[in-house]
N, C-alpha and C. Protein backbone atom coordinates (compact mmCIF):
# COMPACT_ATOMS: atom_id res chain seq x y z
N MET A 1 -31.97 30.11 -21.13
CA MET A 1 -32.70 29.46 -20.47
C MET A 1 -33.40 28.40 -21.23
N LYS A 2 -33.82 27.44 -20.64
CA LYS A 2 -34.86 26.46 -21.29
C LYS A 2 -35.82 25.70 -20.19
N ALA A 3 -36.97 25.83 -20.45
CA ALA A 3 -38.15 25.45 -19.47
C ALA A 3 -38.73 24.07 -20.12
N VAL A 4 -38.98 22.92 -19.41
CA VAL A 4 -39.57 21.82 -19.73
C VAL A 4 -40.73 21.75 -18.73
N ILE A 5 -42.22 21.53 -19.61
CA ILE A 5 -43.25 22.00 -18.88
C ILE A 5 -44.22 20.56 -19.54
N THR A 6 -44.83 20.14 -18.41
CA THR A 6 -45.88 18.72 -19.04
C THR A 6 -47.04 19.57 -19.44
N ASN A 7 -47.99 18.84 -20.34
CA ASN A 7 -49.36 19.03 -20.51
C ASN A 7 -50.16 18.66 -19.67
N PHE A 8 -49.83 18.08 -18.37
CA PHE A 8 -50.63 17.66 -17.38
C PHE A 8 -50.37 18.59 -16.27
N GLY A 9 -51.10 19.46 -16.13
CA GLY A 9 -51.19 20.41 -14.99
C GLY A 9 -50.18 21.63 -15.08
N ALA A 10 -49.48 21.42 -16.27
CA ALA A 10 -48.61 22.30 -16.68
C ALA A 10 -47.42 22.46 -15.54
N ILE A 11 -46.94 21.30 -15.14
CA ILE A 11 -45.88 21.06 -14.22
C ILE A 11 -44.54 21.26 -14.89
N LEU A 12 -43.94 22.38 -13.99
CA LEU A 12 -42.50 22.76 -14.44
C LEU A 12 -41.50 21.63 -14.08
N ILE A 13 -40.99 20.67 -15.12
CA ILE A 13 -40.19 19.50 -14.70
C ILE A 13 -38.95 19.78 -14.56
N SER A 14 -38.41 20.95 -15.62
CA SER A 14 -36.97 21.18 -15.69
C SER A 14 -36.81 22.70 -16.07
N LEU A 15 -35.75 23.28 -15.50
CA LEU A 15 -35.43 24.81 -15.76
C LEU A 15 -33.91 24.67 -15.95
N PHE A 16 -33.44 24.81 -17.14
CA PHE A 16 -32.00 24.85 -17.15
C PHE A 16 -31.54 26.26 -17.38
N VAL A 17 -30.87 26.68 -16.40
CA VAL A 17 -30.03 28.16 -16.43
C VAL A 17 -28.62 28.03 -16.62
N LYS A 18 -27.95 28.99 -17.03
CA LYS A 18 -26.50 29.02 -17.13
C LYS A 18 -25.93 29.26 -15.81
N ASP A 19 -24.72 28.48 -15.44
CA ASP A 19 -24.03 28.72 -14.09
C ASP A 19 -22.97 30.10 -14.55
N LYS A 20 -22.16 30.31 -13.67
CA LYS A 20 -21.14 31.29 -13.69
C LYS A 20 -20.14 30.86 -14.96
N LYS A 21 -19.97 29.66 -15.09
CA LYS A 21 -19.11 29.04 -16.12
C LYS A 21 -19.75 28.99 -17.57
N GLY A 22 -21.01 29.24 -17.63
CA GLY A 22 -21.69 29.19 -18.90
C GLY A 22 -22.46 27.82 -18.98
N ASN A 23 -22.22 26.87 -18.08
CA ASN A 23 -22.84 25.58 -18.40
C ASN A 23 -24.19 25.57 -18.08
N PHE A 24 -25.31 24.92 -18.68
CA PHE A 24 -26.48 24.62 -18.25
C PHE A 24 -26.71 23.60 -17.14
N GLN A 25 -27.63 24.20 -16.15
CA GLN A 25 -27.82 23.15 -15.06
C GLN A 25 -29.36 23.28 -14.97
N ASP A 26 -30.11 22.14 -14.39
CA ASP A 26 -31.30 22.11 -14.17
C ASP A 26 -31.49 22.52 -12.79
N VAL A 27 -32.19 23.51 -12.55
CA VAL A 27 -32.48 24.05 -11.08
C VAL A 27 -33.84 23.64 -10.39
N VAL A 28 -34.62 22.71 -11.07
CA VAL A 28 -35.88 22.41 -10.66
C VAL A 28 -35.81 21.18 -9.75
N LEU A 29 -36.38 21.05 -8.42
CA LEU A 29 -36.38 19.96 -7.72
C LEU A 29 -37.68 19.16 -8.27
N GLY A 30 -37.52 17.94 -8.58
CA GLY A 30 -39.04 17.07 -8.81
C GLY A 30 -38.74 15.85 -9.43
N TYR A 31 -39.78 15.17 -9.82
CA TYR A 31 -39.63 13.69 -10.16
C TYR A 31 -39.06 13.43 -11.58
N ASP A 32 -38.52 12.27 -11.71
CA ASP A 32 -38.24 11.75 -13.17
C ASP A 32 -39.19 11.47 -14.07
N SER A 33 -40.47 11.15 -13.74
CA SER A 33 -41.60 10.67 -14.66
C SER A 33 -42.96 11.00 -14.33
N LEU A 34 -43.74 11.22 -15.03
CA LEU A 34 -45.09 11.68 -14.79
C LEU A 34 -45.72 10.73 -13.76
N GLU A 35 -45.31 9.33 -13.99
CA GLU A 35 -45.83 8.45 -12.89
C GLU A 35 -45.56 8.70 -11.59
N GLU A 36 -44.33 9.10 -11.16
CA GLU A 36 -44.18 9.53 -9.69
C GLU A 36 -44.85 10.60 -9.41
N TYR A 37 -45.06 11.67 -10.18
CA TYR A 37 -46.06 12.80 -9.99
C TYR A 37 -47.47 12.33 -9.36
N LEU A 38 -47.92 11.42 -10.20
CA LEU A 38 -49.29 10.76 -9.88
C LEU A 38 -49.42 10.12 -8.59
N ASP A 39 -48.25 9.23 -8.55
CA ASP A 39 -48.18 8.37 -7.26
C ASP A 39 -48.11 9.05 -5.98
N ASN A 40 -47.39 10.12 -5.86
CA ASN A 40 -46.82 10.89 -4.74
C ASN A 40 -47.73 12.10 -4.35
N HIS A 41 -47.64 13.03 -5.42
CA HIS A 41 -48.44 14.31 -5.27
C HIS A 41 -48.92 14.90 -6.39
N PRO A 42 -49.94 14.62 -6.97
CA PRO A 42 -50.11 15.10 -8.46
C PRO A 42 -50.08 16.67 -8.65
N MET A 43 -50.31 17.41 -7.37
CA MET A 43 -50.09 19.02 -7.74
C MET A 43 -48.61 19.36 -7.35
N PHE A 44 -47.85 18.75 -7.16
CA PHE A 44 -46.31 18.85 -7.01
C PHE A 44 -45.85 19.62 -8.24
N GLY A 45 -45.63 20.79 -8.08
CA GLY A 45 -44.87 21.59 -9.41
C GLY A 45 -45.82 22.00 -10.29
N ALA A 46 -47.20 21.88 -10.01
CA ALA A 46 -48.13 22.21 -11.06
C ALA A 46 -48.33 23.90 -11.14
N THR A 47 -48.45 24.29 -12.00
CA THR A 47 -49.21 25.79 -12.06
C THR A 47 -50.49 26.02 -12.35
N VAL A 48 -51.05 24.91 -12.62
CA VAL A 48 -52.46 24.85 -12.81
C VAL A 48 -53.13 24.15 -11.72
N GLY A 49 -54.09 24.92 -10.93
CA GLY A 49 -54.59 23.89 -9.67
C GLY A 49 -55.82 23.01 -10.07
N ARG A 50 -56.18 22.63 -8.97
CA ARG A 50 -57.27 21.50 -9.13
C ARG A 50 -58.65 22.12 -9.47
N ASN A 51 -58.98 23.24 -9.51
CA ASN A 51 -60.11 24.07 -9.68
C ASN A 51 -60.33 24.70 -11.07
N VAL A 52 -59.23 24.70 -11.76
CA VAL A 52 -59.46 25.06 -13.17
C VAL A 52 -60.48 24.60 -14.06
N ASN A 53 -61.34 25.21 -14.59
CA ASN A 53 -62.55 25.20 -15.12
C ASN A 53 -63.40 24.14 -14.63
N ARG A 54 -63.47 24.34 -13.19
CA ARG A 54 -64.42 23.81 -12.65
C ARG A 54 -65.71 24.56 -12.19
N ILE A 55 -65.57 25.96 -12.24
CA ILE A 55 -66.81 26.71 -11.89
C ILE A 55 -67.58 27.12 -13.31
N SER A 56 -68.64 26.50 -13.47
CA SER A 56 -69.29 26.72 -14.57
C SER A 56 -70.24 27.99 -14.41
N ASN A 57 -70.16 28.80 -15.64
CA ASN A 57 -70.96 30.01 -15.76
C ASN A 57 -70.51 30.95 -14.70
N ALA A 58 -69.38 30.98 -14.24
CA ALA A 58 -68.70 32.04 -13.36
C ALA A 58 -68.53 33.24 -14.00
N LYS A 59 -69.05 34.34 -13.16
CA LYS A 59 -68.85 35.75 -13.86
C LYS A 59 -68.50 36.57 -12.79
N PHE A 60 -67.86 37.75 -13.11
CA PHE A 60 -67.34 38.91 -12.26
C PHE A 60 -67.56 40.07 -12.85
N GLU A 61 -67.71 41.24 -12.09
CA GLU A 61 -67.65 42.52 -12.82
C GLU A 61 -66.70 43.19 -12.07
N LEU A 62 -66.07 43.96 -12.88
CA LEU A 62 -64.76 44.89 -12.63
C LEU A 62 -65.06 46.50 -12.86
N GLU A 63 -65.23 47.12 -11.62
CA GLU A 63 -65.90 48.58 -11.75
C GLU A 63 -67.15 48.62 -12.03
């Protein structure tokens, strides 16, 4: 496998996996450029959401 991820929201733009013949194929549906993500939907394919690092001084207790 080979994954291609941007540094803009950690968007997964390509994931190459082997098919039954051993050829690599990209199985991710997405745009061809970062500009297309920004123009159409900036969170499409992103693994990091819009609230990352937006809650200052946040805390929680476990047990």
